[in-house]
Each structure stands twice: as C-alpha cells, then as structure tokens.
Amino acid sequence: MTLARRWKIAAIVGGVLLVVLVAGAVIAESWCRVRECTYYGPHSNLLRIGERIALSQDFTTGDHSIAKSQTGIVQEEPAWDEDSCDPDRPIKVALTSGDIISVPRHVLHRE
C-alpha cells in the first residue's frame, strides 16, 4: 500500500468519523428540544420571548378557564438560566384570544 493511499484512507475514515459525531450532536440537541427537558425534568427549560406556545392541559386562573391546546406567545420569562428553571415558575403569555395571563411553565409546551 502506497503512502498516498494510506493518507486517502485516513482522510476518508476521519471524515466519516467527523460526520457521525456532528450528526450525533445534532440528533441529541433535537431530541432534547423535542422532549423540552433539562436535567430538572420536562417543561423546565427556558422559553424565549416571542416564542409560540400551546397549553398542554386545561388551566383555570381566577374566573378564566383556558382549554388545552390554546395557543399564545410568550411575553415574559422570569428564568435567566437553567439554574432558575423551576417548572412552576409563572410565564406571562398573550393568548390568541387576546387575554394576557400567567401560567406555570409545566403547563406550556412549544408549538
């Protein structure tokens, strides 16, 4: 086997290894985002202001009853990093009906 052939094989193996590592990282990141979880559990990670969300269960606040699957846009997220991601923290949401309410994070999921 010539030296040039060995370098070609090494380059191909290195390229394949790099592609596998990058694909694994992308899949892991996507999986975590789909499951919406951090090491604190599901529905505890940060939401961005302006992000579209939906309610994952029926919710009652005061005299308002909001049905499951109601959609809205995040107006305020009190957590600033994963250390402050309490699943019960109140997230201010502008619903498509026009109401602006605060709901616990564990009731919301990304749309």
N, C-alpha and C. Protein backbone atom coordinates (compact mmCIF):
# COMPACT_ATOMS: atom_id res chain seq x y z
N MET A 1 0.85 -1.16 0.00
CA MET A 1 0.00 0.00 0.00
C MET A 1 0.91 1.24 0.00
N THR A 2 0.61 2.13 -0.89
CA THR A 2 1.44 3.33 -1.00
C THR A 2 1.07 4.35 0.08
N LEU A 3 1.96 5.29 0.28
CA LEU A 3 1.75 6.33 1.28
C LEU A 3 0.53 7.20 0.94
N ALA A 4 0.36 7.50 -0.33
CA ALA A 4 -0.78 8.32 -0.77
C ALA A 4 -2.10 7.60 -0.49
N ARG A 5 -2.11 6.30 -0.71
CA ARG A 5 -3.33 5.52 -0.47
C ARG A 5 -3.67 5.50 1.02
N ARG A 6 -2.65 5.37 1.87
CA ARG A 6 -2.88 5.38 3.32
C ARG A 6 -3.47 6.72 3.76
N TRP A 7 -2.98 7.83 3.22
CA TRP A 7 -3.50 9.15 3.56
C TRP A 7 -4.95 9.30 3.11
N LYS A 8 -5.27 8.76 1.94
CA LYS A 8 -6.65 8.82 1.45
C LYS A 8 -7.58 8.05 2.38
N ILE A 9 -7.16 6.87 2.79
CA ILE A 9 -7.98 6.05 3.69
C ILE A 9 -8.14 6.77 5.04
N ALA A 10 -7.05 7.33 5.55
CA ALA A 10 -7.12 8.06 6.82
C ALA A 10 -8.04 9.27 6.70
N ALA A 11 -7.98 9.97 5.59
CA ALA A 11 -8.85 11.14 5.39
C ALA A 11 -10.31 10.72 5.31
N ILE A 12 -10.59 9.63 4.61
CA ILE A 12 -11.97 9.14 4.49
C ILE A 12 -12.49 8.71 5.85
N VAL A 13 -11.71 7.95 6.60
CA VAL A 13 -12.13 7.49 7.93
C VAL A 13 -12.34 8.69 8.86
N GLY A 14 -11.43 9.66 8.81
CA GLY A 14 -11.58 10.86 9.64
C GLY A 14 -12.82 11.66 9.27
N GLY A 15 -13.09 11.78 7.97
CA GLY A 15 -14.29 12.49 7.52
C GLY A 15 -15.56 11.80 7.95
N VAL A 16 -15.59 10.48 7.84
CA VAL A 16 -16.77 9.73 8.26
C VAL A 16 -16.97 9.87 9.77
N LEU A 17 -15.90 9.80 10.54
CA LEU A 17 -15.98 9.96 11.98
C LEU A 17 -16.51 11.36 12.35
N LEU A 18 -16.03 12.37 11.67
CA LEU A 18 -16.49 13.74 11.91
C LEU A 18 -17.98 13.87 11.60
N VAL A 19 -18.42 13.31 10.49
CA VAL A 19 -19.83 13.37 10.11
C VAL A 19 -20.70 12.66 11.15
N VAL A 20 -20.25 11.51 11.64
CA VAL A 20 -21.01 10.77 12.64
C VAL A 20 -21.10 11.57 13.94
N LEU A 21 -20.01 12.19 14.37
CA LEU A 21 -20.02 12.99 15.59
C LEU A 21 -20.94 14.21 15.47
N VAL A 22 -20.88 14.90 14.35
CA VAL A 22 -21.75 16.06 14.14
C VAL A 22 -23.21 15.63 14.09
N ALA A 23 -23.50 14.55 13.37
CA ALA A 23 -24.88 14.05 13.28
C ALA A 23 -25.39 13.64 14.66
N GLY A 24 -24.55 13.01 15.45
CA GLY A 24 -24.93 12.62 16.81
C GLY A 24 -25.24 13.83 17.68
N ALA A 25 -24.44 14.88 17.56
CA ALA A 25 -24.69 16.11 18.33
C ALA A 25 -26.00 16.77 17.90
N VAL A 26 -26.26 16.81 16.62
CA VAL A 26 -27.50 17.42 16.11
C VAL A 26 -28.71 16.61 16.57
N ILE A 27 -28.62 15.30 16.51
CA ILE A 27 -29.73 14.45 16.94
C ILE A 27 -29.97 14.60 18.44
N ALA A 28 -28.90 14.62 19.23
CA ALA A 28 -29.05 14.78 20.68
C ALA A 28 -29.70 16.12 21.03
N GLU A 29 -29.27 17.19 20.38
CA GLU A 29 -29.84 18.52 20.64
C GLU A 29 -31.31 18.55 20.22
N SER A 30 -31.63 17.97 19.07
CA SER A 30 -33.01 17.94 18.59
C SER A 30 -33.89 17.12 19.53
N TRP A 31 -33.38 16.00 19.98
CA TRP A 31 -34.14 15.13 20.88
C TRP A 31 -34.46 15.86 22.18
N CYS A 32 -33.49 16.56 22.72
CA CYS A 32 -33.71 17.29 23.97
C CYS A 32 -34.72 18.41 23.75
N ARG A 33 -34.65 19.10 22.61
CA ARG A 33 -35.60 20.18 22.33
C ARG A 33 -37.01 19.63 22.13
N VAL A 34 -37.12 18.48 21.46
CA VAL A 34 -38.44 17.88 21.23
C VAL A 34 -39.04 17.46 22.57
N ARG A 35 -38.23 16.90 23.45
CA ARG A 35 -38.73 16.48 24.76
C ARG A 35 -38.86 17.64 25.72
N GLU A 36 -38.34 18.82 25.37
CA GLU A 36 -38.43 20.02 26.19
C GLU A 36 -37.96 19.76 27.61
N CYS A 37 -36.73 19.28 27.76
CA CYS A 37 -36.28 18.98 29.10
C CYS A 37 -34.83 19.40 29.33
N THR A 38 -34.53 19.63 30.57
CA THR A 38 -33.17 19.82 31.04
C THR A 38 -32.98 18.80 32.14
N TYR A 39 -31.92 18.92 32.89
CA TYR A 39 -31.73 17.97 33.98
C TYR A 39 -32.70 18.21 35.12
N TYR A 40 -33.52 19.24 35.06
CA TYR A 40 -34.57 19.48 36.05
C TYR A 40 -35.86 18.75 35.68
N GLY A 41 -35.96 18.23 34.48
CA GLY A 41 -37.14 17.49 34.07
C GLY A 41 -37.84 18.13 32.89
N PRO A 42 -38.93 17.52 32.42
CA PRO A 42 -39.65 18.04 31.27
C PRO A 42 -40.30 19.39 31.56
N HIS A 43 -40.40 20.19 30.54
CA HIS A 43 -41.07 21.50 30.59
C HIS A 43 -40.42 22.46 31.60
N SER A 44 -39.12 22.34 31.81
CA SER A 44 -38.47 23.25 32.76
C SER A 44 -37.46 24.17 32.09
N ASN A 45 -37.18 23.98 30.82
CA ASN A 45 -36.15 24.80 30.18
C ASN A 45 -36.70 26.16 29.76
N LEU A 46 -35.82 27.02 29.33
CA LEU A 46 -36.16 28.41 29.03
C LEU A 46 -37.03 28.53 27.78
N LEU A 47 -37.95 29.48 27.84
CA LEU A 47 -38.72 29.89 26.67
C LEU A 47 -38.24 31.27 26.27
N ARG A 48 -38.18 31.53 24.98
CA ARG A 48 -37.77 32.85 24.51
C ARG A 48 -38.99 33.75 24.36
N ILE A 49 -38.81 35.02 24.65
CA ILE A 49 -39.89 35.99 24.46
C ILE A 49 -40.22 36.04 22.97
N GLY A 50 -41.49 35.95 22.64
CA GLY A 50 -41.93 35.93 21.25
C GLY A 50 -42.11 34.52 20.71
N GLU A 51 -41.77 33.51 21.49
CA GLU A 51 -41.89 32.12 21.04
C GLU A 51 -43.35 31.68 21.14
N ARG A 52 -43.79 30.90 20.13
CA ARG A 52 -45.18 30.39 20.13
C ARG A 52 -45.26 29.17 21.03
N ILE A 53 -46.31 29.12 21.85
CA ILE A 53 -46.52 28.02 22.79
C ILE A 53 -47.97 27.55 22.71
N ALA A 54 -48.24 26.42 23.34
CA ALA A 54 -49.60 25.92 23.49
C ALA A 54 -49.73 25.34 24.89
N LEU A 55 -50.95 25.35 25.42
CA LEU A 55 -51.19 24.76 26.73
C LEU A 55 -51.29 23.25 26.59
N SER A 56 -50.64 22.52 27.48
CA SER A 56 -50.65 21.06 27.40
C SER A 56 -51.76 20.44 28.24
N GLN A 57 -52.46 21.27 29.01
CA GLN A 57 -53.60 20.79 29.80
C GLN A 57 -54.54 21.95 30.07
N ASP A 58 -55.77 21.63 30.47
CA ASP A 58 -56.72 22.67 30.83
C ASP A 58 -56.19 23.44 32.02
N PHE A 59 -56.46 24.75 32.06
CA PHE A 59 -55.93 25.59 33.14
C PHE A 59 -56.98 26.61 33.54
N THR A 60 -57.11 26.82 34.84
CA THR A 60 -58.05 27.80 35.36
C THR A 60 -57.28 28.85 36.14
N THR A 61 -57.50 30.12 35.80
CA THR A 61 -56.89 31.22 36.52
C THR A 61 -57.98 32.23 36.86
N GLY A 62 -58.21 32.42 38.14
CA GLY A 62 -59.28 33.34 38.56
C GLY A 62 -60.62 32.87 38.04
N ASP A 63 -61.29 33.70 37.24
CA ASP A 63 -62.58 33.32 36.67
C ASP A 63 -62.46 32.85 35.23
N HIS A 64 -61.21 32.75 34.71
CA HIS A 64 -60.98 32.28 33.34
C HIS A 64 -60.65 30.79 33.34
N SER A 65 -61.26 30.07 32.43
CA SER A 65 -60.93 28.68 32.20
C SER A 65 -60.38 28.59 30.78
N ILE A 66 -59.16 28.09 30.65
CA ILE A 66 -58.50 28.05 29.36
C ILE A 66 -58.35 26.59 28.94
N ALA A 67 -58.81 26.29 27.73
CA ALA A 67 -58.81 24.92 27.25
C ALA A 67 -57.43 24.48 26.80
N LYS A 68 -57.20 23.18 26.89
CA LYS A 68 -55.98 22.57 26.39
C LYS A 68 -55.80 22.90 24.91
N SER A 69 -54.59 23.04 24.47
CA SER A 69 -54.21 23.33 23.08
C SER A 69 -54.43 24.79 22.69
N GLN A 70 -54.86 25.64 23.62
CA GLN A 70 -54.95 27.07 23.33
C GLN A 70 -53.54 27.57 23.04
N THR A 71 -53.36 28.38 22.03
CA THR A 71 -52.03 28.86 21.66
C THR A 71 -51.82 30.30 22.09
N GLY A 72 -50.55 30.68 22.13
CA GLY A 72 -50.21 32.04 22.50
C GLY A 72 -48.75 32.33 22.25
N ILE A 73 -48.32 33.51 22.69
CA ILE A 73 -46.94 33.96 22.51
C ILE A 73 -46.38 34.37 23.86
N VAL A 74 -45.16 33.93 24.15
CA VAL A 74 -44.51 34.26 25.42
C VAL A 74 -44.23 35.76 25.48
N GLN A 75 -44.67 36.40 26.56
CA GLN A 75 -44.44 37.82 26.77
C GLN A 75 -43.32 38.06 27.79
N GLU A 76 -43.23 37.17 28.79
CA GLU A 76 -42.23 37.36 29.84
C GLU A 76 -41.81 36.00 30.39
N GLU A 77 -40.51 35.80 30.53
CA GLU A 77 -39.93 34.57 31.07
C GLU A 77 -39.02 34.97 32.23
N PRO A 78 -39.39 34.65 33.48
CA PRO A 78 -38.60 35.11 34.61
C PRO A 78 -37.27 34.38 34.80
N ALA A 79 -37.12 33.19 34.24
CA ALA A 79 -35.87 32.45 34.40
C ALA A 79 -34.80 33.03 33.47
N TRP A 80 -33.58 33.04 33.93
CA TRP A 80 -32.49 33.59 33.10
C TRP A 80 -31.47 32.53 32.73
N ASP A 81 -31.47 31.38 33.39
CA ASP A 81 -30.59 30.28 33.03
C ASP A 81 -31.17 28.98 33.57
N GLU A 82 -30.50 27.87 33.31
CA GLU A 82 -31.03 26.58 33.73
C GLU A 82 -31.13 26.44 35.25
N ASP A 83 -30.34 27.19 36.00
CA ASP A 83 -30.41 27.12 37.46
C ASP A 83 -31.69 27.73 38.00
N SER A 84 -32.35 28.56 37.22
CA SER A 84 -33.58 29.20 37.68
C SER A 84 -34.81 28.64 36.98
N CYS A 85 -34.70 27.47 36.40
CA CYS A 85 -35.79 26.88 35.62
C CYS A 85 -36.70 26.02 36.48
N ASP A 86 -37.44 26.64 37.35
CA ASP A 86 -38.43 25.94 38.17
C ASP A 86 -39.63 25.62 37.28
N PRO A 87 -40.09 24.37 37.26
CA PRO A 87 -41.24 24.02 36.41
C PRO A 87 -42.52 24.78 36.76
N ASP A 88 -42.62 25.32 37.98
CA ASP A 88 -43.83 26.04 38.39
C ASP A 88 -43.70 27.55 38.26
N ARG A 89 -42.61 28.04 37.67
CA ARG A 89 -42.44 29.49 37.55
C ARG A 89 -43.51 30.06 36.62
N PRO A 90 -44.02 31.25 36.92
CA PRO A 90 -45.09 31.83 36.10
C PRO A 90 -44.53 32.45 34.82
N ILE A 91 -45.11 32.07 33.70
CA ILE A 91 -44.74 32.60 32.39
C ILE A 91 -45.91 33.47 31.92
N LYS A 92 -45.62 34.72 31.55
CA LYS A 92 -46.67 35.60 31.04
C LYS A 92 -46.86 35.30 29.56
N VAL A 93 -48.11 35.03 29.18
CA VAL A 93 -48.44 34.60 27.82
C VAL A 93 -49.58 35.44 27.28
N ALA A 94 -49.46 35.88 26.02
CA ALA A 94 -50.56 36.55 25.32
C ALA A 94 -51.26 35.49 24.47
N LEU A 95 -52.47 35.12 24.86
CA LEU A 95 -53.22 34.10 24.14
C LEU A 95 -53.76 34.67 22.83
N THR A 96 -54.10 33.78 21.90
CA THR A 96 -54.65 34.22 20.62
C THR A 96 -56.01 34.89 20.81
N SER A 97 -56.68 34.61 21.93
CA SER A 97 -57.96 35.25 22.21
C SER A 97 -57.79 36.70 22.65
N GLY A 98 -56.54 37.12 22.92
CA GLY A 98 -56.26 38.48 23.33
C GLY A 98 -55.97 38.63 24.81
N ASP A 99 -56.29 37.61 25.61
CA ASP A 99 -56.02 37.65 27.05
C ASP A 99 -54.52 37.53 27.31
N ILE A 100 -54.05 38.23 28.32
CA ILE A 100 -52.67 38.07 28.78
C ILE A 100 -52.74 37.48 30.17
N ILE A 101 -52.17 36.27 30.33
CA ILE A 101 -52.25 35.55 31.59
C ILE A 101 -50.87 35.06 32.00
N SER A 102 -50.74 34.65 33.24
CA SER A 102 -49.53 33.99 33.73
C SER A 102 -49.89 32.55 34.04
N VAL A 103 -49.12 31.65 33.48
CA VAL A 103 -49.35 30.21 33.71
C VAL A 103 -48.04 29.55 34.12
N PRO A 104 -48.11 28.47 34.90
CA PRO A 104 -46.88 27.77 35.27
C PRO A 104 -46.23 27.14 34.03
N ARG A 105 -44.91 27.08 34.04
CA ARG A 105 -44.17 26.56 32.89
C ARG A 105 -44.56 25.13 32.55
N HIS A 106 -44.86 24.30 33.56
CA HIS A 106 -45.15 22.90 33.28
C HIS A 106 -46.44 22.71 32.49
N VAL A 107 -47.26 23.75 32.36
CA VAL A 107 -48.49 23.67 31.60
C VAL A 107 -48.26 23.99 30.12
N LEU A 108 -47.11 24.57 29.79
CA LEU A 108 -46.83 25.02 28.42
C LEU A 108 -45.91 24.06 27.68
N HIS A 109 -46.05 24.04 26.37
CA HIS A 109 -45.06 23.39 25.50
C HIS A 109 -44.93 24.21 24.23
N ARG A 110 -43.79 24.04 23.58
CA ARG A 110 -43.54 24.78 22.33
C ARG A 110 -44.45 24.29 21.24
N GLU A 111 -44.81 25.18 20.37
CA GLU A 111 -45.68 24.81 19.25
C GLU A 111 -44.86 24.48 18.05
